[in-house]
């Protein structure tokens, strides 16, 4: 590894947020940061010397390999990729990476260097925001369409009651519309829980 990569590794050696790894042309880890081992070796020692694919979600192996291939084809480019990694508990965390080819003394690619971080909280938050947006759209529709019917009935009946003698049928209609409106408000409240 060249001196600039060694400086980056030293700088990030104790990072709690970033992982640094290098993969050689045989698709095995030639360098793994302590944080990467801590998060993805699951107490089985180091990942150094193992295939890059051991930490990946099966569907992401091809995605990762394609990103690595792109690095080797375009060594001047940083290649971004999002990958799911085993979490050690039967699930996965979502990680975001930037990769770039490392070059040997003759200037030809010698592997791929990667820096990444866990973005699972970001992904979960985006999903929650998307769900909340859907709920708000549903509530907006309910308020503009469903709430208006019983409210219009109540307003109309109240106007009639102001100008006429009390009528049991009008009072029943008013009570029914008020109950409908109350039910709609309850349903809106339930959507927010």
C-alpha atoms as a PDB file:
ATOM      1  CA  UNK A   1       0.000   0.000   0.000  1.00  0.00           C
ATOM      2  CA  UNK A   2       1.312   3.459  -0.807  1.00  0.00           C
ATOM      3  CA  UNK A   3       2.152   6.042   1.853  1.00  0.00           C
ATOM      4  CA  UNK A   4      -0.983   8.156   1.344  1.00  0.00           C
ATOM      5  CA  UNK A   5      -3.184   5.124   1.997  1.00  0.00           C
ATOM      6  CA  UNK A   6      -1.095   4.254   5.061  1.00  0.00           C
ATOM      7  CA  UNK A   7      -1.609   7.811   6.341  1.00  0.00           C
ATOM      8  CA  UNK A   8      -5.383   7.477   5.861  1.00  0.00           C
ATOM      9  CA  UNK A   9      -5.380   4.115   7.637  1.00  0.00           C
ATOM     10  CA  UNK A  10      -3.403   5.574  10.538  1.00  0.00           C
ATOM     11  CA  UNK A  11      -5.767   8.533  10.747  1.00  0.00           C
ATOM     12  CA  UNK A  12      -8.855   6.278  10.732  1.00  0.00           C
ATOM     13  CA  UNK A  13      -7.310   3.459  12.784  1.00  0.00           C
ATOM     14  CA  UNK A  14      -9.501   4.099  15.831  1.00  0.00           C
ATOM     15  CA  UNK A  15     -12.531   5.453  13.967  1.00  0.00           C
ATOM     16  CA  UNK A  16     -15.912   4.412  15.291  1.00  0.00           C
ATOM     17  CA  UNK A  17     -17.666   5.633  12.134  1.00  0.00           C
ATOM     18  CA  UNK A  18     -15.545   4.703   9.120  1.00  0.00           C
ATOM     19  CA  UNK A  19     -14.209   1.433   7.790  1.00  0.00           C
ATOM     20  CA  UNK A  20     -11.175   1.165   5.538  1.00  0.00           C
ATOM     21  CA  UNK A  21     -10.385  -1.955   3.575  1.00  0.00           C
ATOM     22  CA  UNK A  22      -8.299  -3.012   0.601  1.00  0.00           C
ATOM     23  CA  UNK A  23      -9.035  -5.936  -1.675  1.00  0.00           C
ATOM     24  CA  UNK A  24      -6.316  -7.403  -3.897  1.00  0.00           C
ATOM     25  CA  UNK A  25      -6.641  -8.725  -7.442  1.00  0.00           C
ATOM     26  CA  UNK A  26      -7.517 -12.180  -6.050  1.00  0.00           C
ATOM     27  CA  UNK A  27     -10.648 -10.685  -4.413  1.00  0.00           C
ATOM     28  CA  UNK A  28      -9.371 -11.169  -0.865  1.00  0.00           C
ATOM     29  CA  UNK A  29      -8.892  -8.590   1.861  1.00  0.00           C
ATOM     30  CA  UNK A  30      -5.299  -7.324   1.841  1.00  0.00           C
ATOM     31  CA  UNK A  31      -6.083  -4.764   4.563  1.00  0.00           C
ATOM     32  CA  UNK A  32      -8.953  -4.365   7.044  1.00  0.00           C
ATOM     33  CA  UNK A  33      -9.209  -1.600   9.626  1.00  0.00           C
ATOM     34  CA  UNK A  34      -9.799  -2.520  13.266  1.00  0.00           C
ATOM     35  CA  UNK A  35     -13.304  -1.009  13.066  1.00  0.00           C
ATOM     36  CA  UNK A  36     -14.150  -3.193  10.053  1.00  0.00           C
ATOM     37  CA  UNK A  37     -12.991  -6.336  11.869  1.00  0.00           C
ATOM     38  CA  UNK A  38     -14.815  -5.220  15.030  1.00  0.00           C
ATOM     39  CA  UNK A  39     -18.084  -4.815  13.131  1.00  0.00           C
ATOM     40  CA  UNK A  40     -17.957  -7.675  10.634  1.00  0.00           C
ATOM     41  CA  UNK A  41     -15.667 -10.505  11.836  1.00  0.00           C
ATOM     42  CA  UNK A  42     -18.006 -11.295  14.757  1.00  0.00           C
ATOM     43  CA  UNK A  43     -15.285 -12.456  17.109  1.00  0.00           C
ATOM     44  CA  UNK A  44     -13.752 -14.896  14.622  1.00  0.00           C
ATOM     45  CA  UNK A  45     -10.445 -13.050  14.319  1.00  0.00           C
ATOM     46  CA  UNK A  46      -9.557 -10.888  11.372  1.00  0.00           C
ATOM     47  CA  UNK A  47     -11.066 -10.861   7.918  1.00  0.00           C
ATOM     48  CA  UNK A  48      -7.601 -10.267   6.441  1.00  0.00           C
ATOM     49  CA  UNK A  49      -6.945 -12.859   3.719  1.00  0.00           C
ATOM     50  CA  UNK A  50     -10.607 -13.824   3.334  1.00  0.00           C
ATOM     51  CA  UNK A  51     -12.807 -13.272   0.282  1.00  0.00           C
ATOM     52  CA  UNK A  52     -14.465  -9.863   0.072  1.00  0.00           C
ATOM     53  CA  UNK A  53     -17.825 -11.622  -0.244  1.00  0.00           C
ATOM     54  CA  UNK A  54     -17.907 -13.163   3.266  1.00  0.00           C
ATOM     55  CA  UNK A  55     -19.429 -10.024   4.797  1.00  0.00           C
ATOM     56  CA  UNK A  56     -21.939  -9.256   2.043  1.00  0.00           C
ATOM     57  CA  UNK A  57     -25.637  -9.889   1.547  1.00  0.00           C
ATOM     58  CA  UNK A  58     -25.783 -12.523  -1.234  1.00  0.00           C
ATOM     59  CA  UNK A  59     -27.629 -10.140  -3.571  1.00  0.00           C
ATOM     60  CA  UNK A  60     -24.898  -7.506  -3.161  1.00  0.00           C
ATOM     61  CA  UNK A  61     -21.896  -9.673  -4.080  1.00  0.00           C
ATOM     62  CA  UNK A  62     -22.367  -8.993  -7.793  1.00  0.00           C
ATOM     63  CA  UNK A  63     -22.975  -5.271  -7.126  1.00  0.00           C
ATOM     64  CA  UNK A  64     -19.717  -5.064  -5.169  1.00  0.00           C
ATOM     65  CA  UNK A  65     -17.773  -7.035  -7.781  1.00  0.00           C
ATOM     66  CA  UNK A  66     -19.076  -4.739 -10.541  1.00  0.00           C
ATOM     67  CA  UNK A  67     -18.015  -1.658  -8.550  1.00  0.00           C
ATOM     68  CA  UNK A  68     -14.557  -3.169  -8.023  1.00  0.00           C
ATOM     69  CA  UNK A  69     -14.275  -3.983 -11.722  1.00  0.00           C
ATOM     70  CA  UNK A  70     -15.211  -0.397 -12.580  1.00  0.00           C
ATOM     71  CA  UNK A  71     -12.438   0.817 -10.253  1.00  0.00           C
ATOM     72  CA  UNK A  72      -9.908  -1.336 -12.088  1.00  0.00           C
ATOM     73  CA  UNK A  73     -11.144  -0.139 -15.492  1.00  0.00           C
ATOM     74  CA  UNK A  74     -11.142   3.541 -14.419  1.00  0.00           C
ATOM     75  CA  UNK A  75      -8.455   3.868 -11.717  1.00  0.00           C
ATOM     76  CA  UNK A  76      -8.777   7.657 -11.634  1.00  0.00           C
ATOM     77  CA  UNK A  77     -12.438   7.488 -10.517  1.00  0.00           C
ATOM     78  CA  UNK A  78     -13.995   7.180  -7.082  1.00  0.00           C
ATOM     79  CA  UNK A  79     -16.801   4.645  -7.394  1.00  0.00           C
ATOM     80  CA  UNK A  80     -19.707   4.931  -4.908  1.00  0.00           C
ATOM     81  CA  UNK A  81     -21.699   1.873  -3.890  1.00  0.00           C
ATOM     82  CA  UNK A  82     -24.258   0.947  -1.236  1.00  0.00           C
ATOM     83  CA  UNK A  83     -23.908  -2.558   0.199  1.00  0.00           C
ATOM     84  CA  UNK A  84     -25.641  -4.626   2.844  1.00  0.00           C
ATOM     85  CA  UNK A  85     -23.347  -6.400   5.290  1.00  0.00           C
ATOM     86  CA  UNK A  86     -24.103  -9.176   7.781  1.00  0.00           C
ATOM     87  CA  UNK A  87     -24.840  -7.792  11.249  1.00  0.00           C
ATOM     88  CA  UNK A  88     -23.934 -10.993  13.115  1.00  0.00           C
ATOM     89  CA  UNK A  89     -27.510 -11.482  14.316  1.00  0.00           C
ATOM     90  CA  UNK A  90     -29.120 -12.873  11.166  1.00  0.00           C
ATOM     91  CA  UNK A  91     -29.825  -9.478   9.629  1.00  0.00           C
ATOM     92  CA  UNK A  92     -27.959  -6.846   7.698  1.00  0.00           C
ATOM     93  CA  UNK A  93     -26.730  -3.280   8.056  1.00  0.00           C
ATOM     94  CA  UNK A  94     -26.615  -0.886   5.133  1.00  0.00           C
ATOM     95  CA  UNK A  95     -23.218   0.596   4.341  1.00  0.00           C
ATOM     96  CA  UNK A  96     -22.124   3.284   1.891  1.00  0.00           C
ATOM     97  CA  UNK A  97     -18.686   3.069   0.258  1.00  0.00           C
ATOM     98  CA  UNK A  98     -16.358   4.919  -2.045  1.00  0.00           C
ATOM     99  CA  UNK A  99     -13.806   2.776  -3.833  1.00  0.00           C
ATOM    100  CA  UNK A 100     -10.785   3.472  -5.967  1.00  0.00           C
ATOM    101  CA  UNK A 101      -8.137   1.323  -7.600  1.00  0.00           C
ATOM    102  CA  UNK A 102      -4.740   1.126  -5.948  1.00  0.00           C
ATOM    103  CA  UNK A 103      -1.800   1.167  -8.325  1.00  0.00           C
ATOM    104  CA  UNK A 104       1.367  -0.899  -8.210  1.00  0.00           C
ATOM    105  CA  UNK A 105       4.886   0.447  -8.838  1.00  0.00           C
ATOM    106  CA  UNK A 106       4.414   0.036 -12.591  1.00  0.00           C
ATOM    107  CA  UNK A 107       1.190   2.089 -12.526  1.00  0.00           C
ATOM    108  CA  UNK A 108      -1.145  -0.828 -13.165  1.00  0.00           C
ATOM    109  CA  UNK A 109      -4.031  -1.607 -10.783  1.00  0.00           C
ATOM    110  CA  UNK A 110      -3.015  -3.749  -7.811  1.00  0.00           C
ATOM    111  CA  UNK A 111      -6.347  -3.836  -5.998  1.00  0.00           C
ATOM    112  CA  UNK A 112      -9.173  -1.678  -4.705  1.00  0.00           C
ATOM    113  CA  UNK A 113      -9.107   0.593  -1.656  1.00  0.00           C
ATOM    114  CA  UNK A 114     -12.433   1.363   0.036  1.00  0.00           C
ATOM    115  CA  UNK A 115     -13.701   3.687   2.730  1.00  0.00           C
ATOM    116  CA  UNK A 116     -17.207   3.158   4.072  1.00  0.00           C
ATOM    117  CA  UNK A 117     -19.643   3.849   6.860  1.00  0.00           C
ATOM    118  CA  UNK A 118     -22.841   2.394   8.278  1.00  0.00           C
ATOM    119  CA  UNK A 119     -25.893   4.268   6.942  1.00  0.00           C
ATOM    120  CA  UNK A 120     -28.566   2.004   8.435  1.00  0.00           C
ATOM    121  CA  UNK A 121     -29.992   4.776  10.639  1.00  0.00           C
ATOM    122  CA  UNK A 122     -30.247   7.052   7.600  1.00  0.00           C
ATOM    123  CA  UNK A 123     -32.063   4.355   5.605  1.00  0.00           C
ATOM    124  CA  UNK A 124     -34.456   3.633   8.496  1.00  0.00           C
ATOM    125  CA  UNK A 125     -35.135   7.353   8.975  1.00  0.00           C
ATOM    126  CA  UNK A 126     -35.825   7.808   5.251  1.00  0.00           C
ATOM    127  CA  UNK A 127     -38.275   4.884   5.373  1.00  0.00           C
ATOM    128  CA  UNK A 128     -40.029   6.375   8.402  1.00  0.00           C
ATOM    129  CA  UNK A 129     -40.250   9.768   6.701  1.00  0.00           C
ATOM    130  CA  UNK A 130     -41.711   8.132   3.596  1.00  0.00           C
ATOM    131  CA  UNK A 131     -44.307   6.365   5.748  1.00  0.00           C
ATOM    132  CA  UNK A 132     -45.115   9.622   7.566  1.00  0.00           C
ATOM    133  CA  UNK A 133     -45.511  11.410   4.232  1.00  0.00           C
ATOM    134  CA  UNK A 134     -47.980   8.743   3.084  1.00  0.00           C
ATOM    135  CA  UNK A 135     -49.908   9.110   6.352  1.00  0.00           C
ATOM    136  CA  UNK A 136     -50.051  12.888   5.937  1.00  0.00           C
ATOM    137  CA  UNK A 137     -51.342  12.512   2.374  1.00  0.00           C
ATOM    138  CA  UNK A 138     -54.048  10.110   3.602  1.00  0.00           C
ATOM    139  CA  UNK A 139     -54.988  12.473   6.434  1.00  0.00           C
ATOM    140  CA  UNK A 140     -55.096  15.400   4.000  1.00  0.00           C
ATOM    141  CA  UNK A 141     -57.449  13.443   1.733  1.00  0.00           C
ATOM    142  CA  UNK A 142     -59.653  12.454   4.669  1.00  0.00           C
ATOM    143  CA  UNK A 143     -59.834  16.021   5.927  1.00  0.00           C
ATOM    144  CA  UNK A 144     -60.613  17.482   2.529  1.00  0.00           C
ATOM    145  CA  UNK A 145     -63.202  14.867   1.518  1.00  0.00           C
ATOM    146  CA  UNK A 146     -64.464  12.724   4.393  1.00  0.00           C
ATOM    147  CA  UNK A 147     -64.575  15.397   7.128  1.00  0.00           C
ATOM    148  CA  UNK A 148     -66.339  17.911   4.913  1.00  0.00           C
ATOM    149  CA  UNK A 149     -69.534  15.841   4.452  1.00  0.00           C
ATOM    150  CA  UNK A 150     -70.602  15.581   8.116  1.00  0.00           C
ATOM    151  CA  UNK A 151     -69.303  19.085   8.799  1.00  0.00           C
ATOM    152  CA  UNK A 152     -71.353  20.530   5.923  1.00  0.00           C
ATOM    153  CA  UNK A 153     -74.400  18.623   7.202  1.00  0.00           C
ATOM    154  CA  UNK A 154     -73.894  19.988  10.726  1.00  0.00           C
ATOM    155  CA  UNK A 155     -73.514  23.546   9.449  1.00  0.00           C
ATOM    156  CA  UNK A 156     -76.621  23.231   7.271  1.00  0.00           C
ATOM    157  CA  UNK A 157     -78.689  21.724  10.053  1.00  0.00           C
ATOM    158  CA  UNK A 158     -77.486  24.343  12.549  1.00  0.00           C
ATOM    159  CA  UNK A 159     -78.549  27.070  10.111  1.00  0.00           C
ATOM    160  CA  UNK A 160     -81.988  25.447   9.742  1.00  0.00           C
ATOM    161  CA  UNK A 161     -82.345  25.158  13.518  1.00  0.00           C
ATOM    162  CA  UNK A 162     -81.576  28.860  13.882  1.00  0.00           C
ATOM    163  CA  UNK A 163     -84.424  29.803  11.546  1.00  0.00           C
ATOM    164  CA  UNK A 164     -87.089  27.210  12.438  1.00  0.00           C
ATOM    165  CA  UNK A 165     -88.797  25.635  15.397  1.00  0.00           C
ATOM    166  CA  UNK A 166     -86.877  22.737  16.959  1.00  0.00           C
ATOM    167  CA  UNK A 167     -87.656  19.615  14.963  1.00  0.00           C
ATOM    168  CA  UNK A 168     -86.848  16.109  16.323  1.00  0.00           C
ATOM    169  CA  UNK A 169     -85.894  14.871  12.831  1.00  0.00           C
ATOM    170  CA  UNK A 170     -83.462  17.767  12.346  1.00  0.00           C
ATOM    171  CA  UNK A 171     -81.972  17.120  15.791  1.00  0.00           C
ATOM    172  CA  UNK A 172     -81.543  13.406  14.921  1.00  0.00           C
ATOM    173  CA  UNK A 173     -79.793  14.348  11.650  1.00  0.00           C
ATOM    174  CA  UNK A 174     -77.580  16.803  13.532  1.00  0.00           C
ATOM    175  CA  UNK A 175     -76.688  14.148  16.110  1.00  0.00           C
ATOM    176  CA  UNK A 176     -75.953  11.554  13.361  1.00  0.00           C
ATOM    177  CA  UNK A 177     -73.687  13.986  11.487  1.00  0.00           C
ATOM    178  CA  UNK A 178     -71.889  14.917  14.724  1.00  0.00           C
ATOM    179  CA  UNK A 179     -71.275  11.189  15.423  1.00  0.00           C
ATOM    180  CA  UNK A 180     -69.948  10.721  11.844  1.00  0.00           C
ATOM    181  CA  UNK A 181     -67.583  13.650  12.309  1.00  0.00           C
ATOM    182  CA  UNK A 182     -66.451  12.272  15.667  1.00  0.00           C
ATOM    183  CA  UNK A 183     -65.722   8.881  14.034  1.00  0.00           C
ATOM    184  CA  UNK A 184     -63.682  10.534  11.263  1.00  0.00           C
ATOM    185  CA  UNK A 185     -61.624  12.429  13.854  1.00  0.00           C
ATOM    186  CA  UNK A 186     -61.008   9.145  15.716  1.00  0.00           C
ATOM    187  CA  UNK A 187     -59.860   7.473  12.470  1.00  0.00           C
ATOM    188  CA  UNK A 188     -57.488  10.366  11.734  1.00  0.00           C
ATOM    189  CA  UNK A 189     -56.032  10.025  15.237  1.00  0.00           C
ATOM    190  CA  UNK A 190     -55.556   6.282  14.722  1.00  0.00           C
ATOM    191  CA  UNK A 191     -53.647   6.908  11.478  1.00  0.00           C
ATOM    192  CA  UNK A 192     -51.068   8.954  13.359  1.00  0.00           C
ATOM    193  CA  UNK A 193     -50.350   6.174  15.877  1.00  0.00           C
END
